[in-house]
PDB file of N, CA and C in Angstrom:
ATOM      1  N   MET A   1     -14.727  -8.522  22.610  1.00  0.00           N
ATOM      2  CA  MET A   1     -13.930  -9.844  21.575  1.00  0.00           C
ATOM      3  C   MET A   1     -15.456 -10.254  20.147  1.00  0.00           C
ATOM      4  N   ALA A   2     -16.383 -11.615  21.461  1.00  0.00           N
ATOM      5  CA  ALA A   2     -17.301 -11.864  20.581  1.00  0.00           C
ATOM      6  C   ALA A   2     -18.155 -10.625  20.119  1.00  0.00           C
ATOM      7  N   ARG A   3     -18.564  -9.692  20.737  1.00  0.00           N
ATOM      8  CA  ARG A   3     -19.662  -8.452  20.968  1.00  0.00           C
ATOM      9  C   ARG A   3     -19.254  -7.769  19.561  1.00  0.00           C
ATOM     10  N   ALA A   4     -18.111  -7.815  19.369  1.00  0.00           N
ATOM     11  CA  ALA A   4     -17.106  -6.730  18.098  1.00  0.00           C
ATOM     12  C   ALA A   4     -17.563  -7.959  16.550  1.00  0.00           C
ATOM     13  N   PHE A   5     -17.594  -8.945  16.879  1.00  0.00           N
ATOM     14  CA  PHE A   5     -17.619  -9.525  16.154  1.00  0.00           C
ATOM     15  C   PHE A   5     -19.447  -9.989  15.684  1.00  0.00           C
ATOM     16  N   TYR A   6     -19.959  -9.774  16.649  1.00  0.00           N
ATOM     17  CA  TYR A   6     -21.178  -9.926  16.429  1.00  0.00           C
ATOM     18  C   TYR A   6     -21.861  -7.959  15.524  1.00  0.00           C
ATOM     19  N   ASN A   7     -21.171  -7.261  15.923  1.00  0.00           N
ATOM     20  CA  ASN A   7     -21.326  -6.300  15.184  1.00  0.00           C
ATOM     21  C   ASN A   7     -21.218  -5.686  13.846  1.00  0.00           C
ATOM     22  N   TYR A   8     -19.715  -6.235  13.737  1.00  0.00           N
ATOM     23  CA  TYR A   8     -18.946  -6.456  12.357  1.00  0.00           C
ATOM     24  C   TYR A   8     -20.480  -7.562  11.505  1.00  0.00           C
ATOM     25  N   THR A   9     -21.055  -9.059  12.089  1.00  0.00           N
ATOM     26  CA  THR A   9     -21.875  -9.221  11.313  1.00  0.00           C
ATOM     27  C   THR A   9     -23.222  -8.478  10.547  1.00  0.00           C
ATOM     28  N   LEU A  10     -23.366  -7.654  11.624  1.00  0.00           N
ATOM     29  CA  LEU A  10     -24.707  -6.552  11.840  1.00  0.00           C
ATOM     30  C   LEU A  10     -24.224  -5.548  10.372  1.00  0.00           C
ATOM     31  N   THR A  11     -23.051  -5.526  10.309  1.00  0.00           N
ATOM     32  CA  THR A  11     -22.632  -3.937   9.185  1.00  0.00           C
ATOM     33  C   THR A  11     -22.711  -4.818   8.289  1.00  0.00           C
ATOM     34  N   ILE A  12     -22.210  -6.687   7.820  1.00  0.00           N
ATOM     35  CA  ILE A  12     -21.907  -6.611   6.677  1.00  0.00           C
ATOM     36  C   ILE A  12     -23.778  -6.861   6.443  1.00  0.00           C
ATOM     37  N   LEU A  13     -24.390  -7.446   7.312  1.00  0.00           N
ATOM     38  CA  LEU A  13     -25.962  -7.837   7.295  1.00  0.00           C
ATOM     39  C   LEU A  13     -26.665  -6.653   6.371  1.00  0.00           C
ATOM     40  N   GLU A  14     -25.770  -5.170   6.684  1.00  0.00           N
ATOM     41  CA  GLU A  14     -26.884  -4.138   6.275  1.00  0.00           C
ATOM     42  C   GLU A  14     -25.885  -3.962   5.060  1.00  0.00           C
ATOM     43  N   LYS A  15     -24.978  -3.625   4.771  1.00  0.00           N
ATOM     44  CA  LYS A  15     -24.347  -3.924   3.289  1.00  0.00           C
ATOM     45  C   LYS A  15     -24.500  -3.942   2.165  1.00  0.00           C
ATOM     46  N   VAL A  16     -25.255  -5.561   2.546  1.00  0.00           N
ATOM     47  CA  VAL A  16     -25.205  -6.440   1.494  1.00  0.00           C
ATOM     48  C   VAL A  16     -26.506  -6.316   1.340  1.00  0.00           C
ATOM     49  N   SER A  17     -27.743  -5.607   1.932  1.00  0.00           N
ATOM     50  CA  SER A  17     -29.209  -5.836   1.790  1.00  0.00           C
ATOM     51  C   SER A  17     -28.986  -5.219   0.523  1.00  0.00           C
ATOM     52  N   PHE A  18     -28.580  -5.362  -0.416  1.00  0.00           N
ATOM     53  CA  PHE A  18     -29.475  -4.944  -1.658  1.00  0.00           C
ATOM     54  C   PHE A  18     -29.288  -5.450  -2.555  1.00  0.00           C
ATOM     55  N   ASP A  19     -28.874  -7.215  -2.371  1.00  0.00           N
ATOM     56  CA  ASP A  19     -28.515  -8.286  -3.474  1.00  0.00           C
ATOM     57  C   ASP A  19     -29.453  -9.582  -2.683  1.00  0.00           C
ATOM     58  N   PRO A  20     -30.136 -10.061  -2.707  1.00  0.00           N
ATOM     59  CA  PRO A  20     -31.270 -10.836  -1.865  1.00  0.00           C
ATOM     60  C   PRO A  20     -30.492 -12.018  -1.157  1.00  0.00           C
ATOM     61  N   GLU A  21     -29.810 -12.128  -2.746  1.00  0.00           N
ATOM     62  CA  GLU A  21     -29.146 -13.574  -2.473  1.00  0.00           C
ATOM     63  C   GLU A  21     -28.019 -13.656  -1.819  1.00  0.00           C
ATOM     64  N   LEU A  22     -27.088 -12.541  -1.977  1.00  0.00           N
ATOM     65  CA  LEU A  22     -25.959 -12.682  -0.737  1.00  0.00           C
ATOM     66  C   LEU A  22     -26.270 -12.110  -0.013  1.00  0.00           C
ATOM     67  N   PHE A  23     -27.624 -11.899   0.809  1.00  0.00           N
ATOM     68  CA  PHE A  23     -27.584 -11.281   2.108  1.00  0.00           C
ATOM     69  C   PHE A  23     -28.224 -12.606   2.931  1.00  0.00           C
ATOM     70  N   LYS A  24     -28.712 -13.787   2.201  1.00  0.00           N
ATOM     71  CA  LYS A  24     -29.079 -14.674   2.573  1.00  0.00           C
ATOM     72  C   LYS A  24     -27.694 -15.587   2.759  1.00  0.00           C
ATOM     73  N   LYS A  25     -27.090 -15.951   1.452  1.00  0.00           N
ATOM     74  CA  LYS A  25     -25.769 -16.221   2.761  1.00  0.00           C
ATOM     75  C   LYS A  25     -25.429 -15.731   3.578  1.00  0.00           C
ATOM     76  N   GLU A  26     -24.720 -14.612   3.149  1.00  0.00           N
ATOM     77  CA  GLU A  26     -24.184 -14.233   4.422  1.00  0.00           C
ATOM     78  C   GLU A  26     -24.975 -13.829   5.761  1.00  0.00           C
ATOM     79  N   LEU A  27     -27.115 -14.057   6.205  1.00  0.00           N
ATOM     80  CA  LEU A  27     -27.113 -14.317   7.212  1.00  0.00           C
ATOM     81  C   LEU A  27     -26.794 -15.760   7.833  1.00  0.00           C
ATOM     82  N   GLU A  28     -26.361 -16.941   6.794  1.00  0.00           N
ATOM     83  CA  GLU A  28     -26.819 -18.094   6.958  1.00  0.00           C
ATOM     84  C   GLU A  28     -25.513 -18.413   7.675  1.00  0.00           C
ATOM     85  N   LYS A  29     -24.363 -17.694   6.822  1.00  0.00           N
ATOM     86  CA  LYS A  29     -22.673 -17.480   7.557  1.00  0.00           C
ATOM     87  C   LYS A  29     -23.109 -17.322   9.202  1.00  0.00           C
ATOM     88  N   ALA A  30     -23.791 -15.904   8.863  1.00  0.00           N
ATOM     89  CA  ALA A  30     -23.873 -15.719  10.895  1.00  0.00           C
ATOM     90  C   ALA A  30     -24.286 -16.227  11.287  1.00  0.00           C
ATOM     91  N   TYR A  31     -25.646 -17.129  11.122  1.00  0.00           N
ATOM     92  CA  TYR A  31     -26.254 -17.769  12.207  1.00  0.00           C
ATOM     93  C   TYR A  31     -25.748 -18.938  12.489  1.00  0.00           C
ATOM     94  N   GLN A  32     -24.490 -19.539  11.423  1.00  0.00           N
ATOM     95  CA  GLN A  32     -23.842 -20.448  11.710  1.00  0.00           C
ATOM     96  C   GLN A  32     -22.425 -19.961  13.245  1.00  0.00           C
ATOM     97  N   SER A  33     -22.106 -18.890  12.151  1.00  0.00           N
ATOM     98  CA  SER A  33     -20.667 -18.800  13.231  1.00  0.00           C
ATOM     99  C   SER A  33     -21.700 -18.063  14.719  1.00  0.00           C
ATOM    100  N   LEU A  34     -22.568 -17.269  15.140  1.00  0.00           N
ATOM    101  CA  LEU A  34     -22.600 -16.675  16.175  1.00  0.00           C
ATOM    102  C   LEU A  34     -22.918 -17.799  16.950  1.00  0.00           C
ATOM    103  N   LEU A  35     -22.841 -17.032  18.657  1.00  0.00           N
ATOM    104  CA  LEU A  35     -23.298 -18.312  19.988  1.00  0.00           C
ATOM    105  C   LEU A  35     -24.380 -17.980  19.736  1.00  0.00           C
ATOM    106  N   PRO A  36     -25.071 -18.954  20.951  1.00  0.00           N
ATOM    107  CA  PRO A  36     -26.653 -18.926  20.695  1.00  0.00           C
ATOM    108  C   PRO A  36     -27.583 -17.758  21.305  1.00  0.00           C
ATOM    109  N   HIS A  37     -26.302 -17.122  22.241  1.00  0.00           N
ATOM    110  CA  HIS A  37     -27.712 -16.052  22.571  1.00  0.00           C
ATOM    111  C   HIS A  37     -27.926 -14.430  21.668  1.00  0.00           C
ATOM    112  N   GLU A  38     -26.313 -14.957  21.100  1.00  0.00           N
ATOM    113  CA  GLU A  38     -26.059 -13.836  19.644  1.00  0.00           C
ATOM    114  C   GLU A  38     -26.993 -13.733  18.393  1.00  0.00           C
ATOM    115  N   ARG A  39     -27.148 -15.400  18.261  1.00  0.00           N
ATOM    116  CA  ARG A  39     -28.485 -15.480  17.429  1.00  0.00           C
ATOM    117  C   ARG A  39     -30.250 -15.542  18.006  1.00  0.00           C
ATOM    118  N   ALA A  40     -30.035 -15.689  19.334  1.00  0.00           N
ATOM    119  CA  ALA A  40     -31.577 -14.809  19.559  1.00  0.00           C
ATOM    120  C   ALA A  40     -31.636 -13.141  19.187  1.00  0.00           C
ATOM    121  N   GLU A  41     -30.377 -12.473  19.654  1.00  0.00           N
ATOM    122  CA  GLU A  41     -30.255 -10.842  19.226  1.00  0.00           C
ATOM    123  C   GLU A  41     -30.246 -11.038  17.998  1.00  0.00           C
ATOM    124  N   LEU A  42     -29.770 -11.940  17.357  1.00  0.00           N
ATOM    125  CA  LEU A  42     -29.784 -11.403  15.376  1.00  0.00           C
ATOM    126  C   LEU A  42     -31.434 -11.849  14.686  1.00  0.00           C
ATOM    127  N   LYS A  43     -32.001 -12.721  15.423  1.00  0.00           N
ATOM    128  CA  LYS A  43     -33.326 -12.897  15.190  1.00  0.00           C
ATOM    129  C   LYS A  43     -34.317 -10.843  15.422  1.00  0.00           C
ATOM    130  N   ILE A  44     -33.734 -11.392  17.073  1.00  0.00           N
ATOM    131  CA  ILE A  44     -34.351  -9.873  16.895  1.00  0.00           C
ATOM    132  C   ILE A  44     -34.268  -8.355  15.877  1.00  0.00           C
ATOM    133  N   TRP A  45     -33.334  -8.341  16.218  1.00  0.00           N
ATOM    134  CA  TRP A  45     -32.425  -7.145  14.699  1.00  0.00           C
ATOM    135  C   TRP A  45     -33.055  -7.796  13.480  1.00  0.00           C
ATOM    136  N   LEU A  46     -32.963  -8.949  12.678  1.00  0.00           N
ATOM    137  CA  LEU A  46     -33.559  -9.562  11.509  1.00  0.00           C
ATOM    138  C   LEU A  46     -35.405  -8.933  11.575  1.00  0.00           C
ATOM    139  N   GLN A  47     -35.840  -8.965  12.416  1.00  0.00           N
ATOM    140  CA  GLN A  47     -37.220  -8.563  12.529  1.00  0.00           C
ATOM    141  C   GLN A  47     -37.649  -7.318  12.279  1.00  0.00           C
ATOM    142  N   GLN A  48     -36.543  -6.493  13.116  1.00  0.00           N
ATOM    143  CA  GLN A  48     -36.382  -5.204  12.615  1.00  0.00           C
ATOM    144  C   GLN A  48     -35.969  -4.471  11.330  1.00  0.00           C
ATOM    145  N   PHE A  49     -35.448  -5.106  10.839  1.00  0.00           N
ATOM    146  CA  PHE A  49     -34.644  -4.850   9.880  1.00  0.00           C
ATOM    147  C   PHE A  49     -35.476  -5.321   8.569  1.00  0.00           C
ATOM    148  N   LEU A  50     -36.214  -5.748   8.681  1.00  0.00           N
ATOM    149  CA  LEU A  50     -37.168  -6.990   7.663  1.00  0.00           C
ATOM    150  C   LEU A  50     -38.307  -5.557   7.461  1.00  0.00           C
ATOM    151  N   ILE A  51     -39.121  -4.825   8.015  1.00  0.00           N
ATOM    152  CA  ILE A  51     -39.847  -4.190   8.278  1.00  0.00           C
ATOM    153  C   ILE A  51     -39.753  -3.001   7.400  1.00  0.00           C
ATOM    154  N   HIS A  52     -38.537  -2.710   7.572  1.00  0.00           N
ATOM    155  CA  HIS A  52     -37.952  -1.131   6.825  1.00  0.00           C
ATOM    156  C   HIS A  52     -37.762  -2.253   4.599  1.00  0.00           C
ATOM    157  N   LYS A  53     -37.506  -3.562   4.807  1.00  0.00           N
ATOM    158  CA  LYS A  53     -37.503  -4.067   3.789  1.00  0.00           C
ATOM    159  C   LYS A  53     -38.136  -5.278   3.257  1.00  0.00           C
ATOM    160  N   PRO A  54     -39.348  -4.995   2.844  1.00  0.00           N
ATOM    161  CA  PRO A  54     -40.168  -5.945   2.737  1.00  0.00           C
ATOM    162  C   PRO A  54     -40.669  -6.819   1.511  1.00  0.00           C
ATOM    163  N   GLN A  55     -39.020  -6.562   1.013  1.00  0.00           N
ATOM    164  CA  GLN A  55     -38.932  -7.124  -0.360  1.00  0.00           C
ATOM    165  C   GLN A  55     -38.091  -7.966  -0.143  1.00  0.00           C
ATOM    166  N   LEU A  56     -37.497  -7.936   0.498  1.00  0.00           N
ATOM    167  CA  LEU A  56     -36.352  -9.014   1.426  1.00  0.00           C
ATOM    168  C   LEU A  56     -36.142  -9.500   2.515  1.00  0.00           C
ATOM    169  N   LYS A  57     -37.502  -9.687   2.771  1.00  0.00           N
ATOM    170  CA  LYS A  57     -37.967 -10.491   3.756  1.00  0.00           C
ATOM    171  C   LYS A  57     -39.626 -11.870   2.732  1.00  0.00           C
ATOM    172  N   LEU A  58     -39.348 -11.387   1.956  1.00  0.00           N
ATOM    173  CA  LEU A  58     -40.459 -11.689   1.160  1.00  0.00           C
ATOM    174  C   LEU A  58     -39.130 -12.741  -0.100  1.00  0.00           C
ATOM    175  N   TYR A  59     -38.599 -12.373  -0.547  1.00  0.00           N
ATOM    176  CA  TYR A  59     -37.422 -13.703  -0.625  1.00  0.00           C
ATOM    177  C   TYR A  59     -37.448 -14.540  -0.417  1.00  0.00           C
ATOM    178  N   LEU A  60     -36.486 -13.902   1.197  1.00  0.00           N
ATOM    179  CA  LEU A  60     -36.234 -14.697   2.370  1.00  0.00           C
ATOM    180  C   LEU A  60     -37.448 -16.271   2.420  1.00  0.00           C
ATOM    181  N   GLN A  61     -38.645 -16.333   2.511  1.00  0.00           N
ATOM    182  CA  GLN A  61     -39.707 -16.545   2.714  1.00  0.00           C
ATOM    183  C   GLN A  61     -39.935 -17.418   1.859  1.00  0.00           C
ATOM    184  N   GLN A  62     -39.577 -16.727   0.012  1.00  0.00           N
ATOM    185  CA  GLN A  62     -40.091 -18.023  -0.879  1.00  0.00           C
ATOM    186  C   GLN A  62     -38.919 -18.203  -0.946  1.00  0.00           C
ATOM    187  N   ALA A  63     -37.484 -18.599  -0.649  1.00  0.00           N
ATOM    188  CA  ALA A  63     -36.000 -18.737  -1.357  1.00  0.00           C
ATOM    189  C   ALA A  63     -35.963 -20.885  -0.762  1.00  0.00           C
ATOM    190  N   ASP A  64     -35.937 -20.941  -2.128  1.00  0.00           N
ATOM    191  CA  ASP A  64     -35.491 -22.424  -2.187  1.00  0.00           C
ATOM    192  C   ASP A  64     -34.021 -22.995  -1.139  1.00  0.00           C
ATOM    193  N   GLN A  65     -33.936 -23.678   0.084  1.00  0.00           N
ATOM    194  CA  GLN A  65     -33.084 -24.616   0.064  1.00  0.00           C
ATOM    195  C   GLN A  65     -32.130 -23.632   1.722  1.00  0.00           C
ATOM    196  N   PHE A  66     -33.066 -22.494   2.234  1.00  0.00           N
ATOM    197  CA  PHE A  66     -32.932 -21.824   2.684  1.00  0.00           C
ATOM    198  C   PHE A  66     -32.633 -22.370   4.120  1.00  0.00           C
ATOM    199  N   ASP A  67     -31.576 -22.601   4.546  1.00  0.00           N
ATOM    200  CA  ASP A  67     -31.442 -23.211   6.654  1.00  0.00           C
ATOM    201  C   ASP A  67     -31.896 -22.085   7.159  1.00  0.00           C
ATOM    202  N   GLY A  68     -32.128 -21.304   7.778  1.00  0.00           N
ATOM    203  CA  GLY A  68     -32.477 -19.947   8.166  1.00  0.00           C
ATOM    204  C   GLY A  68     -34.279 -19.847   8.144  1.00  0.00           C
ATOM    205  N   GLN A  69     -34.507 -20.280   8.327  1.00  0.00           N
ATOM    206  CA  GLN A  69     -36.169 -20.100   8.084  1.00  0.00           C
ATOM    207  C   GLN A  69     -36.784 -20.202   9.620  1.00  0.00           C
ATOM    208  N   LYS A  70     -35.689 -20.964  10.505  1.00  0.00           N
ATOM    209  CA  LYS A  70     -36.389 -20.789  11.658  1.00  0.00           C
ATOM    210  C   LYS A  70     -35.813 -19.321  12.207  1.00  0.00           C
ATOM    211  N   ILE A  71     -35.263 -18.489  11.221  1.00  0.00           N
ATOM    212  CA  ILE A  71     -34.537 -17.003  11.433  1.00  0.00           C
ATOM    213  C   ILE A  71     -35.553 -16.184  10.805  1.00  0.00           C
ATOM    214  N   ILE A  72     -36.400 -15.871  10.470  1.00  0.00           N
ATOM    215  CA  ILE A  72     -37.317 -15.301   9.474  1.00  0.00           C
ATOM    216  C   ILE A  72     -38.582 -15.301  10.232  1.00  0.00           C
ATOM    217  N   ALA A  73     -38.637 -17.420  10.931  1.00  0.00           N
ATOM    218  CA  ALA A  73     -40.293 -17.580  10.879  1.00  0.00           C
ATOM    219  C   ALA A  73     -41.507 -16.775  12.297  1.00  0.00           C
ATOM    220  N   ALA A  74     -40.508 -16.075  12.878  1.00  0.00           N
ATOM    221  CA  ALA A  74     -41.182 -14.980  14.142  1.00  0.00           C
ATOM    222  C   ALA A  74     -41.075 -13.539  13.338  1.00  0.00           C
ATOM    223  N   SER A  75     -40.823 -13.328  12.141  1.00  0.00           N
ATOM    224  CA  SER A  75     -40.765 -11.946  11.567  1.00  0.00           C
ATOM    225  C   SER A  75     -42.262 -11.962  10.993  1.00  0.00           C
TER     226      SER A  75
END
């Protein structure tokens, strides 16, 4: 069941990636909801995902009050 939630989270993030603000909110929500090992997997997924979305990566890096800076710091 927990794996299903992680996969659902990735699906949601992919679907909202057209809107940087919405993506940021969903990413923060996902990071708060996931287990520690799933957070690590999310970081890896995000690094790969942002390779194809450089404008999204730039937005996240510049976003004020973004709690997930540690998520994208290594990407």
